[in-house]
Structures are given as C-alpha cells and as structure tokens.
Amino acid sequence: MQGEQVAPSVDGRRFRAVADVAGGEIVPETLFAYHEADGEIWAEYAGGKIRRGHLVGTRRGDVLDFRYSQLNVDGETSNGHCVSAIVVLPDGRLRFEESWEWESKDGSGVSAVEEVPEGT
C-alpha cells in the first residue's frame, strides 16, 4: 500500500553519510540529529565541511521530502531539496537512500546516510 509507514520514527535518531558525497558537502564526519512529529521532520547537522545546517520537511510513509540550508566552513551558504527513502537495515538501524539537488547552485546527486548506533 503506497504511503504506508513501515520503518519506525526517525525522532531522536542520529545519522552519518556512508561516504563522501560527490558534488555535495556532506562527509562521514557530518552528524545529523533528526526529529519527527505528526508527519513533519526536521534536523540539525554539522561536521566536516559543514559548520551548521538545518533541514525541514515531511514524511509520507517511508519517504522524507525536505529542503536543507547550510553554512560551510568557508562561510558560504547554500540550499537545496532532497527526497529520501527509508530502509530498515538487517540490524534494525535506519538508512536513508537520498536523491538531492542544489537550488542555490548547479548540481545534484544521490547519497546515503545510516543511523549511528547508540553509544557511539
């Protein structure tokens, strides 16, 4: 059934990129802290090339659709749009398979972030 939520809430979960993102500024040192309530999602992120970042959007089933805005270590701001499919990994952690595009400059791509295990 389309729109059905299978994966658990992303609220309170932390994520890191699984690899450097070609054409992007996210690296494995970038840490995302997600929140979720009533179909809304938002997160703060920082680390690596990112001094401060925020994202806000919606969740429909196991798909996140959000806009992001960030400040990099060079003092440059940028923003874009991302759609992420939530996948539950065999160990129960979550993975976001992402398709993103800059809106403030040229470029787009695909990436993945995975939940950081508790206690790490």
C-alpha atoms as a PDB file:
ATOM      1  CA  MET A   1       0.000   0.000   0.000  1.00  0.00           C
ATOM      2  CA  GLN A   2       1.521   3.317  -1.043  1.00  0.00           C
ATOM      3  CA  GLY A   3       2.143   5.805   1.753  1.00  0.00           C
ATOM      4  CA  GLU A   4       2.116   3.078   4.407  1.00  0.00           C
ATOM      5  CA  GLN A   5       4.744   3.607   7.083  1.00  0.00           C
ATOM      6  CA  VAL A   6       6.863   0.514   7.711  1.00  0.00           C
ATOM      7  CA  ALA A   7      10.024   1.988   9.267  1.00  0.00           C
ATOM      8  CA  PRO A   8       9.912   3.347  12.819  1.00  0.00           C
ATOM      9  CA  SER A   9      10.016   7.048  13.662  1.00  0.00           C
ATOM     10  CA  VAL A  10      13.243   8.921  12.921  1.00  0.00           C
ATOM     11  CA  ASP A  11      12.732  11.060  16.041  1.00  0.00           C
ATOM     12  CA  GLY A  12      15.837  11.220  18.232  1.00  0.00           C
ATOM     13  CA  ARG A  13      17.987   9.233  15.799  1.00  0.00           C
ATOM     14  CA  ARG A  14      21.430  10.313  14.579  1.00  0.00           C
ATOM     15  CA  PHE A  15      22.830   9.659  11.086  1.00  0.00           C
ATOM     16  CA  ARG A  16      26.115   9.927   9.190  1.00  0.00           C
ATOM     17  CA  ALA A  17      26.919   9.723   5.470  1.00  0.00           C
ATOM     18  CA  VAL A  18      28.276   6.344   4.425  1.00  0.00           C
ATOM     19  CA  ALA A  19      30.798   8.063   2.097  1.00  0.00           C
ATOM     20  CA  ASP A  20      31.825  11.482   0.802  1.00  0.00           C
ATOM     21  CA  VAL A  21      29.053  12.844  -1.408  1.00  0.00           C
ATOM     22  CA  ALA A  22      30.276  13.728  -4.907  1.00  0.00           C
ATOM     23  CA  GLY A  23      29.100  17.246  -5.784  1.00  0.00           C
ATOM     24  CA  GLY A  24      27.926  17.840  -2.225  1.00  0.00           C
ATOM     25  CA  GLU A  25      29.447  18.961   1.058  1.00  0.00           C
ATOM     26  CA  ILE A  26      28.363  16.089   3.289  1.00  0.00           C
ATOM     27  CA  VAL A  27      31.089  13.698   4.501  1.00  0.00           C
ATOM     28  CA  PRO A  28      31.095  10.850   7.055  1.00  0.00           C
ATOM     29  CA  GLU A  29      32.128  13.353   9.762  1.00  0.00           C
ATOM     30  CA  THR A  30      28.822  15.234   9.268  1.00  0.00           C
ATOM     31  CA  LEU A  31      26.384  14.246  12.027  1.00  0.00           C
ATOM     32  CA  PHE A  32      22.611  14.658  11.588  1.00  0.00           C
ATOM     33  CA  ALA A  33      20.176  14.747  14.543  1.00  0.00           C
ATOM     34  CA  TYR A  34      16.604  14.055  13.348  1.00  0.00           C
ATOM     35  CA  HIS A  35      13.231  14.895  14.875  1.00  0.00           C
ATOM     36  CA  GLU A  36       9.750  13.785  13.828  1.00  0.00           C
ATOM     37  CA  ALA A  37       6.210  14.656  14.915  1.00  0.00           C
ATOM     38  CA  ASP A  38       2.830  14.440  13.161  1.00  0.00           C
ATOM     39  CA  GLY A  39       4.256  13.850   9.672  1.00  0.00           C
ATOM     40  CA  GLU A  40       6.825  16.648   9.992  1.00  0.00           C
ATOM     41  CA  ILE A  41      10.577  16.022  10.074  1.00  0.00           C
ATOM     42  CA  TRP A  42      13.448  18.365  10.854  1.00  0.00           C
ATOM     43  CA  ALA A  43      17.111  18.041  11.694  1.00  0.00           C
ATOM     44  CA  GLU A  44      20.240  19.908  12.639  1.00  0.00           C
ATOM     45  CA  TYR A  45      23.607  18.860  11.245  1.00  0.00           C
ATOM     46  CA  ALA A  46      27.269  19.852  11.413  1.00  0.00           C
ATOM     47  CA  GLY A  47      30.730  18.416  10.949  1.00  0.00           C
ATOM     48  CA  GLY A  48      33.297  18.008   8.228  1.00  0.00           C
ATOM     49  CA  LYS A  49      32.778  20.791   5.683  1.00  0.00           C
ATOM     50  CA  ILE A  50      29.516  21.952   7.321  1.00  0.00           C
ATOM     51  CA  ARG A  51      29.595  24.487  10.138  1.00  0.00           C
ATOM     52  CA  ARG A  52      25.793  24.466  10.599  1.00  0.00           C
ATOM     53  CA  GLY A  53      22.893  23.005   8.681  1.00  0.00           C
ATOM     54  CA  HIS A  54      19.132  22.658   9.082  1.00  0.00           C
ATOM     55  CA  LEU A  55      16.520  20.722   7.190  1.00  0.00           C
ATOM     56  CA  VAL A  56      12.735  20.725   7.362  1.00  0.00           C
ATOM     57  CA  GLY A  57      10.095  18.730   5.544  1.00  0.00           C
ATOM     58  CA  THR A  58       7.511  15.993   5.648  1.00  0.00           C
ATOM     59  CA  ARG A  59       7.254  12.243   5.923  1.00  0.00           C
ATOM     60  CA  ARG A  60       4.722  10.259   3.900  1.00  0.00           C
ATOM     61  CA  GLY A  61       5.040   6.562   4.597  1.00  0.00           C
ATOM     62  CA  ASP A  62       8.719   5.746   4.327  1.00  0.00           C
ATOM     63  CA  VAL A  63       9.625   8.762   2.181  1.00  0.00           C
ATOM     64  CA  LEU A  64      11.099  12.003   3.515  1.00  0.00           C
ATOM     65  CA  ASP A  65      10.781  15.141   1.377  1.00  0.00           C
ATOM     66  CA  PHE A  66      12.671  18.159   2.679  1.00  0.00           C
ATOM     67  CA  ARG A  67      14.583  21.339   1.984  1.00  0.00           C
ATOM     68  CA  TYR A  68      18.020  21.938   3.507  1.00  0.00           C
ATOM     69  CA  SER A  69      20.001  25.099   4.191  1.00  0.00           C
ATOM     70  CA  GLN A  70      23.586  25.131   5.352  1.00  0.00           C
ATOM     71  CA  LEU A  71      26.678  27.196   6.126  1.00  0.00           C
ATOM     72  CA  ASN A  72      30.040  25.650   5.231  1.00  0.00           C
ATOM     73  CA  VAL A  73      33.423  26.188   6.877  1.00  0.00           C
ATOM     74  CA  ASP A  74      34.331  28.739   4.160  1.00  0.00           C
ATOM     75  CA  GLY A  75      31.400  30.944   5.244  1.00  0.00           C
ATOM     76  CA  GLU A  76      29.278  30.143   2.165  1.00  0.00           C
ATOM     77  CA  THR A  77      25.572  29.413   2.404  1.00  0.00           C
ATOM     78  CA  SER A  78      23.660  27.046   0.141  1.00  0.00           C
ATOM     79  CA  ASN A  79      20.327  25.272  -0.002  1.00  0.00           C
ATOM     80  CA  GLY A  80      18.559  22.501  -1.835  1.00  0.00           C
ATOM     81  CA  HIS A  81      15.884  19.821  -1.990  1.00  0.00           C
ATOM     82  CA  CYS A  82      16.137  16.133  -1.071  1.00  0.00           C
ATOM     83  CA  VAL A  83      13.859  13.091  -1.235  1.00  0.00           C
ATOM     84  CA  SER A  84      14.909  10.118   0.909  1.00  0.00           C
ATOM     85  CA  ALA A  85      13.583   6.562   1.004  1.00  0.00           C
ATOM     86  CA  ILE A  86      13.857   4.985   4.462  1.00  0.00           C
ATOM     87  CA  VAL A  87      15.250   1.459   4.517  1.00  0.00           C
ATOM     88  CA  VAL A  88      15.407  -0.713   7.638  1.00  0.00           C
ATOM     89  CA  LEU A  89      18.791  -2.463   7.786  1.00  0.00           C
ATOM     90  CA  PRO A  90      19.090  -6.100   8.970  1.00  0.00           C
ATOM     91  CA  ASP A  91      20.387  -4.906  12.372  1.00  0.00           C
ATOM     92  CA  GLY A  92      17.365  -2.600  12.827  1.00  0.00           C
ATOM     93  CA  ARG A  93      19.170   0.667  12.120  1.00  0.00           C
ATOM     94  CA  LEU A  94      17.754   3.012   9.500  1.00  0.00           C
ATOM     95  CA  ARG A  95      19.321   4.053   6.190  1.00  0.00           C
ATOM     96  CA  PHE A  96      18.147   6.950   4.002  1.00  0.00           C
ATOM     97  CA  GLU A  97      18.703   6.481   0.266  1.00  0.00           C
ATOM     98  CA  GLU A  98      18.703  10.042  -0.984  1.00  0.00           C
ATOM     99  CA  SER A  99      18.243  11.902  -4.241  1.00  0.00           C
ATOM    100  CA  TRP A 100      19.149  15.572  -3.876  1.00  0.00           C
ATOM    101  CA  GLU A 101      19.626  18.742  -5.886  1.00  0.00           C
ATOM    102  CA  TRP A 102      21.045  22.134  -5.096  1.00  0.00           C
ATOM    103  CA  GLU A 103      18.636  25.050  -5.511  1.00  0.00           C
ATOM    104  CA  SER A 104      21.196  27.786  -4.847  1.00  0.00           C
ATOM    105  CA  LYS A 105      23.761  26.487  -7.371  1.00  0.00           C
ATOM    106  CA  ASP A 106      24.210  23.818 -10.038  1.00  0.00           C
ATOM    107  CA  GLY A 107      24.436  20.177  -9.083  1.00  0.00           C
ATOM    108  CA  SER A 108      22.533  17.097  -7.998  1.00  0.00           C
ATOM    109  CA  GLY A 109      23.268  13.559  -6.943  1.00  0.00           C
ATOM    110  CA  VAL A 110      22.481  10.527  -4.853  1.00  0.00           C
ATOM    111  CA  SER A 111      23.787   9.651  -1.409  1.00  0.00           C
ATOM    112  CA  ALA A 112      23.072   7.537   1.631  1.00  0.00           C
ATOM    113  CA  VAL A 113      23.169   8.167   5.360  1.00  0.00           C
ATOM    114  CA  GLU A 114      22.925   5.496   8.024  1.00  0.00           C
ATOM    115  CA  GLU A 115      21.841   5.610  11.624  1.00  0.00           C
ATOM    116  CA  VAL A 116      24.675   5.848  14.135  1.00  0.00           C
ATOM    117  CA  PRO A 117      24.440   3.017  16.690  1.00  0.00           C
ATOM    118  CA  GLU A 118      23.523   4.155  20.200  1.00  0.00           C
ATOM    119  CA  GLY A 119      26.517   4.763  22.455  1.00  0.00           C
ATOM    120  CA  THR A 120      28.839   5.793  19.611  1.00  0.00           C
END
